[in-house]
Amino acid sequence: LLRAEEDYRWIAELDRPRTSWERLKYIPLGHSSFLSLGAEFRELYEYYSARNWGAEPTDSNGYFLHRFMFHVDAHWSERGRVFVQLKSGLLTGKDIGLSPPDRDDLDFHQLFM
C-alpha cells in the first residue's frame, strides 16, 4: 500500500483501549473528522570497489543514504481530505563526488486535497 491509501477508520470502532500506535494513526477531531500521523525511515549502505570502471581511486569506505518521510492525513468528512507527505534524503560518509541527488534536505513528496 501507498501511505495515501491507508485507512485507519477501523480504529474508531475498537472496544478496548488504544495502543500508542493506534492513537497516532487515528486522532478523532469531531463527528466524522480525524487525523492520521506517520513516519518512515530507510537507510542504505553503498560501497563501490571499481568506480567509473576503475578509472578513479578505490574508496576503502562506503557511505550511507538516509531517507526520512513524514505524513499527515486529515479527513474532515467522508469526501474532504488533505494529505501531506514530506521527504528528506541525506547522505553521510561520502567525501568526494557529491552530486545534487545526494542531498535533499526537505521537500514535498505528495500533497493533495
Protein backbone atom coordinates (compact mmCIF):
# COMPACT_ATOMS: atom_id res chain seq x y z
CA LEU A 1 0.00 0.00 0.00
CA LEU A 2 0.97 3.58 -0.58
CA ARG A 3 0.78 5.76 2.53
CA ALA A 4 -2.00 7.84 0.96
CA GLU A 5 -4.12 4.67 0.51
CA GLU A 6 -4.01 3.65 4.18
CA ASP A 7 -7.33 3.92 6.02
CA TYR A 8 -7.47 3.75 9.82
CA ARG A 9 -11.18 4.40 10.43
CA TRP A 10 -11.47 0.89 11.86
CA ILE A 11 -9.60 2.08 14.98
CA ALA A 12 -12.63 4.21 15.95
CA GLU A 13 -14.67 1.01 16.38
CA LEU A 14 -12.31 -0.71 18.84
CA ASP A 15 -13.90 -1.67 22.15
CA ARG A 16 -10.60 -1.76 24.04
CA PRO A 17 -8.03 0.91 24.98
CA ARG A 18 -5.94 2.02 22.02
CA THR A 19 -2.23 1.33 21.78
CA SER A 20 0.25 4.20 21.30
CA TRP A 21 0.49 3.32 17.61
CA GLU A 22 -3.30 3.39 17.21
CA ARG A 23 -3.51 6.79 18.96
CA LEU A 24 -1.15 8.25 16.32
CA LYS A 25 -2.86 6.59 13.37
CA TYR A 26 -6.37 7.74 14.38
CA ILE A 27 -6.81 11.05 16.21
CA PRO A 28 -10.54 11.92 16.38
CA LEU A 29 -11.35 15.59 15.71
CA GLY A 30 -15.14 15.54 15.53
CA HIS A 31 -18.13 13.58 14.23
CA SER A 32 -16.52 12.23 11.05
CA SER A 33 -13.18 14.09 11.22
CA PHE A 34 -9.87 12.56 12.14
CA LEU A 35 -6.15 12.99 11.71
CA SER A 36 -3.55 10.31 10.99
CA LEU A 37 0.20 10.79 11.51
CA GLY A 38 3.06 8.65 10.28
CA ALA A 39 6.77 8.46 9.57
CA GLU A 40 9.20 6.19 7.79
CA PHE A 41 12.98 5.86 7.92
CA ARG A 42 15.05 3.92 5.42
CA GLU A 43 18.78 3.50 5.40
CA LEU A 44 21.01 2.03 2.70
CA TYR A 45 24.75 1.39 2.73
CA GLU A 46 26.55 1.69 -0.62
CA TYR A 47 30.09 0.70 -1.50
CA TYR A 48 31.75 0.78 -4.91
CA SER A 49 35.04 -1.02 -5.47
CA ALA A 50 35.65 -0.01 -9.11
CA ARG A 51 34.11 3.43 -9.60
CA ASN A 52 33.93 4.54 -13.24
CA TRP A 53 35.19 1.12 -14.31
CA GLY A 54 38.39 1.51 -12.29
CA ALA A 55 39.35 4.96 -13.61
CA GLU A 56 39.05 6.53 -10.14
CA PRO A 57 40.96 5.57 -7.00
CA THR A 58 39.36 2.82 -4.93
CA ASP A 59 37.46 4.13 -1.93
CA SER A 60 38.04 1.93 1.10
CA ASN A 61 34.84 3.12 2.75
CA GLY A 62 31.25 3.18 1.61
CA TYR A 63 28.59 5.65 2.63
CA PHE A 64 25.05 5.71 3.99
CA LEU A 65 21.93 7.03 2.26
CA HIS A 66 19.18 8.07 4.68
CA ARG A 67 15.59 8.75 3.74
CA PHE A 68 13.04 10.20 6.14
CA MET A 69 9.39 10.56 5.23
CA PHE A 70 6.68 12.14 7.40
CA HIS A 71 2.97 12.41 6.61
CA VAL A 72 -0.23 13.94 7.92
CA ASP A 73 -3.61 12.77 6.64
CA ALA A 74 -6.56 14.97 7.66
CA HIS A 75 -10.14 13.82 6.97
CA TRP A 76 -12.85 16.34 7.80
CA SER A 77 -15.74 14.49 6.13
CA GLU A 78 -16.38 11.42 4.01
CA ARG A 79 -15.29 13.35 0.92
CA GLY A 80 -12.99 16.06 2.31
CA ARG A 81 -9.33 15.26 2.86
CA VAL A 82 -5.82 16.76 2.81
CA PHE A 83 -2.74 14.54 2.60
CA VAL A 84 0.78 15.94 3.02
CA GLN A 85 3.94 13.85 2.84
CA LEU A 86 7.39 15.36 3.27
CA LYS A 87 10.69 13.67 2.47
CA SER A 88 14.30 14.24 3.32
CA GLY A 89 17.18 12.40 1.69
CA LEU A 90 20.64 12.75 3.21
CA LEU A 91 23.99 11.13 2.65
CA THR A 92 26.77 10.60 5.20
CA GLY A 93 30.29 9.28 4.78
CA LYS A 94 30.89 10.27 1.15
CA ASP A 95 33.77 12.74 0.93
CA ILE A 96 34.18 13.23 -2.81
CA GLY A 97 31.89 13.31 -5.79
CA LEU A 98 28.74 14.65 -4.16
CA SER A 99 26.02 15.21 -6.74
CA PRO A 100 22.71 17.11 -6.39
CA PRO A 101 20.63 13.94 -5.80
CA ASP A 102 22.91 13.04 -2.85
CA ARG A 103 21.31 15.71 -0.65
CA ASP A 104 17.65 16.67 -0.41
CA ASP A 105 17.14 18.42 2.93
CA LEU A 106 13.34 18.68 2.88
CA ASP A 107 10.82 18.54 0.06
CA PHE A 108 7.18 17.69 -0.65
CA HIS A 109 6.75 14.10 -1.75
CA GLN A 110 2.95 14.24 -2.02
CA LEU A 111 0.37 16.95 -1.38
CA PHE A 112 -3.28 16.73 -2.42
CA MET A 113 -6.81 17.67 -1.40
